């Protein structure tokens, strides 16, 4: 299972050698799934972004929004603090995206238009009885400019204002574990750049954890917990290290 941000790309820039490393994994008959905590993009948009990097991932992408959709029931009204990826997941659950008023659930992810009004609407919905669902807890994610606030930072604001404990959907939590376990089987390797999400995700699946240092975690951050079974500068170096040909 391959993470995207920090493994395949940083922001809009592909990491050198990543596409070739994916092809080498395919040549070694690896069963690949791309699993990301980024909820802003639809699955098709993530697939298109991968295709632009030279990677065919049709039908192989699972997002934290996908996992959040598993926590929504048909017919529910859902206030979305996030992007089109969450809207898509809510609609696939046969629920209704609403912008205000009473809601059955509030789902929070990356929202680049997040402001005080957004926070107020989400807070009031949760205080009015809506379930608070977080796509992920990640406080940041890597871009070409450096780290940017992640969905977890916005979720923390809503949870604090609403004085509520969110239900978590994305890595390393059970909803996304359930989404991907049947695709891989009983053994596997989670490749990612965050021990707190990717490493714990591997633990939840009882898979090996491979840490790449091309994203949030750098060499100066080592050692980390959970301890990875593999550690490499990037995906290409990881494939070299694992001896996959």
Protein backbone atom coordinates (compact mmCIF):
# COMPACT_ATOMS: atom_id res chain seq x y z
CA UNK A 1 0.00 0.00 0.00
CA UNK A 2 1.53 3.25 -1.17
CA UNK A 3 0.84 6.65 0.33
CA UNK A 4 0.74 9.55 -2.16
CA UNK A 5 1.83 12.84 -0.54
CA UNK A 6 5.52 12.49 0.29
CA UNK A 7 5.86 9.13 -1.48
CA UNK A 8 4.71 9.67 -5.08
CA UNK A 9 4.72 13.47 -5.11
CA UNK A 10 5.27 16.59 -3.03
CA UNK A 11 2.49 19.05 -3.81
CA UNK A 12 2.23 19.11 -7.58
CA UNK A 13 5.73 17.78 -8.25
CA UNK A 14 6.41 14.08 -8.82
CA UNK A 15 9.26 12.66 -6.75
CA UNK A 16 12.06 11.54 -9.12
CA UNK A 17 12.07 7.79 -9.70
CA UNK A 18 8.66 7.17 -8.10
CA UNK A 19 6.87 6.12 -11.30
CA UNK A 20 9.73 3.82 -12.27
CA UNK A 21 9.67 2.31 -8.77
CA UNK A 22 5.94 1.59 -9.10
CA UNK A 23 6.58 -0.12 -12.42
CA UNK A 24 9.31 -2.25 -10.81
CA UNK A 25 6.85 -3.26 -8.10
CA UNK A 26 4.36 -4.27 -10.78
CA UNK A 27 7.02 -6.27 -12.59
CA UNK A 28 7.62 -8.09 -9.30
CA UNK A 29 3.87 -8.96 -9.22
CA UNK A 30 3.17 -6.73 -6.23
CA UNK A 31 -0.54 -6.15 -5.55
CA UNK A 32 -0.69 -2.35 -5.34
CA UNK A 33 -3.19 -0.05 -3.66
CA UNK A 34 -2.70 3.71 -3.32
CA UNK A 35 -4.02 4.86 0.05
CA UNK A 36 -4.07 8.53 0.97
CA UNK A 37 -5.35 10.65 3.84
CA UNK A 38 -5.85 13.56 1.43
CA UNK A 39 -9.62 13.98 1.14
CA UNK A 40 -9.85 17.08 -1.07
CA UNK A 41 -9.72 15.37 -4.47
CA UNK A 42 -12.17 12.87 -5.89
CA UNK A 43 -10.93 9.37 -6.60
CA UNK A 44 -10.94 10.11 -10.32
CA UNK A 45 -8.88 13.27 -9.77
CA UNK A 46 -6.33 11.31 -7.74
CA UNK A 47 -6.16 8.72 -10.51
CA UNK A 48 -5.65 11.49 -13.07
CA UNK A 49 -2.88 13.04 -10.99
CA UNK A 50 -1.17 9.66 -10.79
CA UNK A 51 -1.59 9.20 -14.54
CA UNK A 52 0.12 12.56 -15.09
CA UNK A 53 3.07 11.12 -13.15
CA UNK A 54 3.14 8.08 -15.44
CA UNK A 55 1.29 5.73 -13.08
CA UNK A 56 -1.91 3.90 -14.06
CA UNK A 57 -3.89 3.57 -10.83
CA UNK A 58 -7.38 3.04 -12.24
CA UNK A 59 -9.53 1.44 -9.55
CA UNK A 60 -6.62 1.31 -7.10
CA UNK A 61 -7.07 4.53 -5.08
CA UNK A 62 -8.58 4.66 -1.59
CA UNK A 63 -8.87 8.00 0.19
CA UNK A 64 -9.77 9.07 3.71
CA UNK A 65 -12.95 10.52 2.19
CA UNK A 66 -13.78 7.03 0.90
CA UNK A 67 -13.45 5.76 4.45
CA UNK A 68 -15.53 8.62 5.86
CA UNK A 69 -18.30 7.69 3.45
CA UNK A 70 -18.56 4.30 5.16
CA UNK A 71 -19.67 6.13 8.32
CA UNK A 72 -22.61 7.87 6.60
CA UNK A 73 -26.08 6.34 6.24
CA UNK A 74 -28.41 6.79 3.25
CA UNK A 75 -30.63 9.84 3.50
CA UNK A 76 -28.58 11.63 6.13
CA UNK A 77 -27.86 15.35 5.87
CA UNK A 78 -24.11 15.94 5.97
CA UNK A 79 -22.36 19.28 6.42
CA UNK A 80 -19.04 19.06 4.59
CA UNK A 81 -15.99 21.04 5.65
CA UNK A 82 -13.70 19.99 2.85
CA UNK A 83 -13.38 19.48 -0.88
CA UNK A 84 -15.05 17.57 -3.72
CA UNK A 85 -13.62 14.27 -2.51
CA UNK A 86 -15.82 14.37 0.59
CA UNK A 87 -18.85 15.52 -1.41
CA UNK A 88 -18.34 12.52 -3.70
CA UNK A 89 -18.13 10.08 -0.78
CA UNK A 90 -21.28 11.49 0.84
CA UNK A 91 -23.21 11.24 -2.43
CA UNK A 92 -22.00 7.67 -3.00
CA UNK A 93 -23.45 6.86 0.42
CA UNK A 94 -26.83 8.14 -0.87
CA UNK A 95 -26.72 10.97 1.64
CA UNK A 96 -27.29 14.70 1.09
CA UNK A 97 -24.60 17.38 1.23
CA UNK A 98 -25.89 20.47 3.04
CA UNK A 99 -24.25 23.83 3.65
CA UNK A 100 -26.21 24.91 6.73
CA UNK A 101 -29.08 24.04 9.01
CA UNK A 102 -29.64 20.84 10.98
CA UNK A 103 -27.30 18.01 10.04
CA UNK A 104 -26.86 14.38 11.00
CA UNK A 105 -23.09 14.50 10.53
CA UNK A 106 -20.28 16.97 9.97
CA UNK A 107 -17.32 15.65 7.97
CA UNK A 108 -14.06 17.64 8.19
CA UNK A 109 -11.05 17.40 5.91
CA UNK A 110 -8.83 19.79 3.96
CA UNK A 111 -10.77 22.99 3.21
CA UNK A 112 -8.69 25.78 1.67
CA UNK A 113 -11.61 28.18 2.12
CA UNK A 114 -11.86 27.45 5.85
CA UNK A 115 -12.68 30.56 7.86
CA UNK A 116 -14.42 31.74 11.02
CA UNK A 117 -17.86 31.38 9.43
CA UNK A 118 -17.11 27.80 8.39
CA UNK A 119 -15.96 27.00 11.90
CA UNK A 120 -19.12 28.50 13.36
CA UNK A 121 -21.46 26.54 11.09
CA UNK A 122 -19.66 23.27 11.81
CA UNK A 123 -19.55 23.94 15.54
CA UNK A 124 -23.27 24.73 15.74
CA UNK A 125 -24.20 21.62 13.75
CA UNK A 126 -22.19 19.39 16.10
CA UNK A 127 -23.54 21.12 19.19
CA UNK A 128 -26.99 20.57 17.67
CA UNK A 129 -26.47 16.81 17.67
CA UNK A 130 -24.54 16.01 14.48
CA UNK A 131 -21.79 13.39 14.61
CA UNK A 132 -18.32 14.87 14.04
CA UNK A 133 -16.32 12.78 11.55
CA UNK A 134 -12.70 13.53 10.73
CA UNK A 135 -11.19 12.28 7.50
CA UNK A 136 -7.77 12.23 9.19
CA UNK A 137 -5.74 13.56 12.09
CA UNK A 138 -2.69 14.69 10.07
CA UNK A 139 -1.65 18.16 11.30
CA UNK A 140 0.32 18.89 8.12
CA UNK A 141 1.28 17.63 4.67
CA UNK A 142 4.29 18.32 2.43
CA UNK A 143 4.27 20.76 -0.51
CA UNK A 144 6.93 22.46 -2.61
CA UNK A 145 6.67 25.45 -0.23
CA UNK A 146 7.21 23.26 2.83
CA UNK A 147 4.60 21.94 5.22
CA UNK A 148 1.01 23.18 4.93
CA UNK A 149 -1.81 22.72 7.49
CA UNK A 150 -3.47 19.33 7.14
CA UNK A 151 -7.05 18.26 7.66
CA UNK A 152 -6.27 17.35 11.24
CA UNK A 153 -5.55 20.98 12.10
CA UNK A 154 -8.99 22.07 10.87
CA UNK A 155 -10.63 19.13 12.62
CA UNK A 156 -8.96 20.18 15.87
CA UNK A 157 -10.50 23.65 15.56
CA UNK A 158 -14.01 22.26 15.02
CA UNK A 159 -13.64 19.67 17.79
CA UNK A 160 -12.39 22.32 20.22
CA UNK A 161 -15.18 24.77 19.39
CA UNK A 162 -17.85 22.07 19.57
CA UNK A 163 -16.29 20.38 22.63
CA UNK A 164 -16.68 17.06 20.86
CA UNK A 165 -14.56 13.98 20.23
CA UNK A 166 -14.48 13.17 16.49
CA UNK A 167 -14.94 9.78 14.89
CA UNK A 168 -11.85 9.16 12.76
CA UNK A 169 -12.01 7.64 9.27
CA UNK A 170 -8.58 7.75 7.60
CA UNK A 171 -5.22 6.17 8.36
CA UNK A 172 -4.60 4.59 10.84
CA UNK A 173 -8.22 4.09 11.88
CA UNK A 174 -10.54 1.13 11.45
CA UNK A 175 -12.80 2.49 8.68
CA UNK A 176 -9.93 2.76 6.20
CA UNK A 177 -8.42 -0.50 7.45
CA UNK A 178 -11.73 -2.15 6.55
CA UNK A 179 -11.72 -0.42 3.14
CA UNK A 180 -8.37 -1.85 2.08
CA UNK A 181 -7.80 -5.14 3.91
CA UNK A 182 -9.75 -7.26 1.43
CA UNK A 183 -7.70 -5.85 -1.47
CA UNK A 184 -4.33 -6.99 -0.15
CA UNK A 185 -4.74 -10.10 2.00
CA UNK A 186 -3.10 -11.13 5.25
CA UNK A 187 0.41 -9.84 4.54
CA UNK A 188 1.67 -6.64 3.04
CA UNK A 189 3.80 -3.54 3.33
CA UNK A 190 2.58 -0.02 4.04
CA UNK A 191 4.85 2.59 2.44
CA UNK A 192 4.53 6.10 3.81
CA UNK A 193 6.25 9.18 5.17
CA UNK A 194 4.42 9.54 8.50
CA UNK A 195 4.95 7.11 11.39
CA UNK A 196 1.88 8.47 13.22
CA UNK A 197 -0.47 7.62 10.34
CA UNK A 198 1.30 5.21 7.96
CA UNK A 199 3.25 3.40 10.67
CA UNK A 200 0.23 2.95 12.91
CA UNK A 201 -1.81 1.96 9.84
CA UNK A 202 0.69 -0.84 9.23
CA UNK A 203 0.35 -1.91 12.86
CA UNK A 204 -3.47 -1.98 12.60
CA UNK A 205 -3.22 -4.19 9.52
CA UNK A 206 -0.40 -6.27 11.05
CA UNK A 207 1.70 -5.46 7.96
CA UNK A 208 5.29 -4.30 7.66
CA UNK A 209 6.01 -0.57 7.66
CA UNK A 210 8.37 1.00 5.13
CA UNK A 211 9.30 4.62 5.90
CA UNK A 212 10.47 6.92 3.11
CA UNK A 213 12.21 10.19 3.96
CA UNK A 214 10.91 12.15 0.96
CA UNK A 215 7.95 13.75 2.73
CA UNK A 216 7.13 14.90 6.26
CA UNK A 217 9.71 12.74 8.05
CA UNK A 218 13.37 13.43 7.39
CA UNK A 219 16.64 11.82 8.40
CA UNK A 220 16.97 14.26 11.32
CA UNK A 221 13.70 12.92 12.78
CA UNK A 222 15.04 9.37 13.22
CA UNK A 223 14.50 7.23 15.21
CA UNK A 224 10.71 7.18 15.03
CA UNK A 225 7.91 5.16 16.60
CA UNK A 226 6.61 2.81 15.45
CA UNK A 227 9.96 1.61 14.16
CA UNK A 228 9.86 0.78 10.44
CA UNK A 229 11.01 -2.55 9.07
CA UNK A 230 12.47 -0.62 6.11
CA UNK A 231 13.72 2.96 5.82
CA UNK A 232 14.94 4.62 2.64
CA UNK A 233 15.41 8.12 1.18
CA UNK A 234 12.55 7.61 -1.32
CA UNK A 235 10.44 4.96 -3.04
CA UNK A 236 13.05 4.16 -5.69
CA UNK A 237 15.70 3.55 -3.01
CA UNK A 238 13.19 1.48 -1.02
CA UNK A 239 12.57 -0.85 -3.96
CA UNK A 240 16.36 -1.21 -4.32
CA UNK A 241 16.64 -2.01 -0.62
CA UNK A 242 13.88 -4.62 -0.74
CA UNK A 243 15.55 -6.35 -3.67
CA UNK A 244 12.40 -6.34 -5.82
CA UNK A 245 13.16 -6.96 -9.48
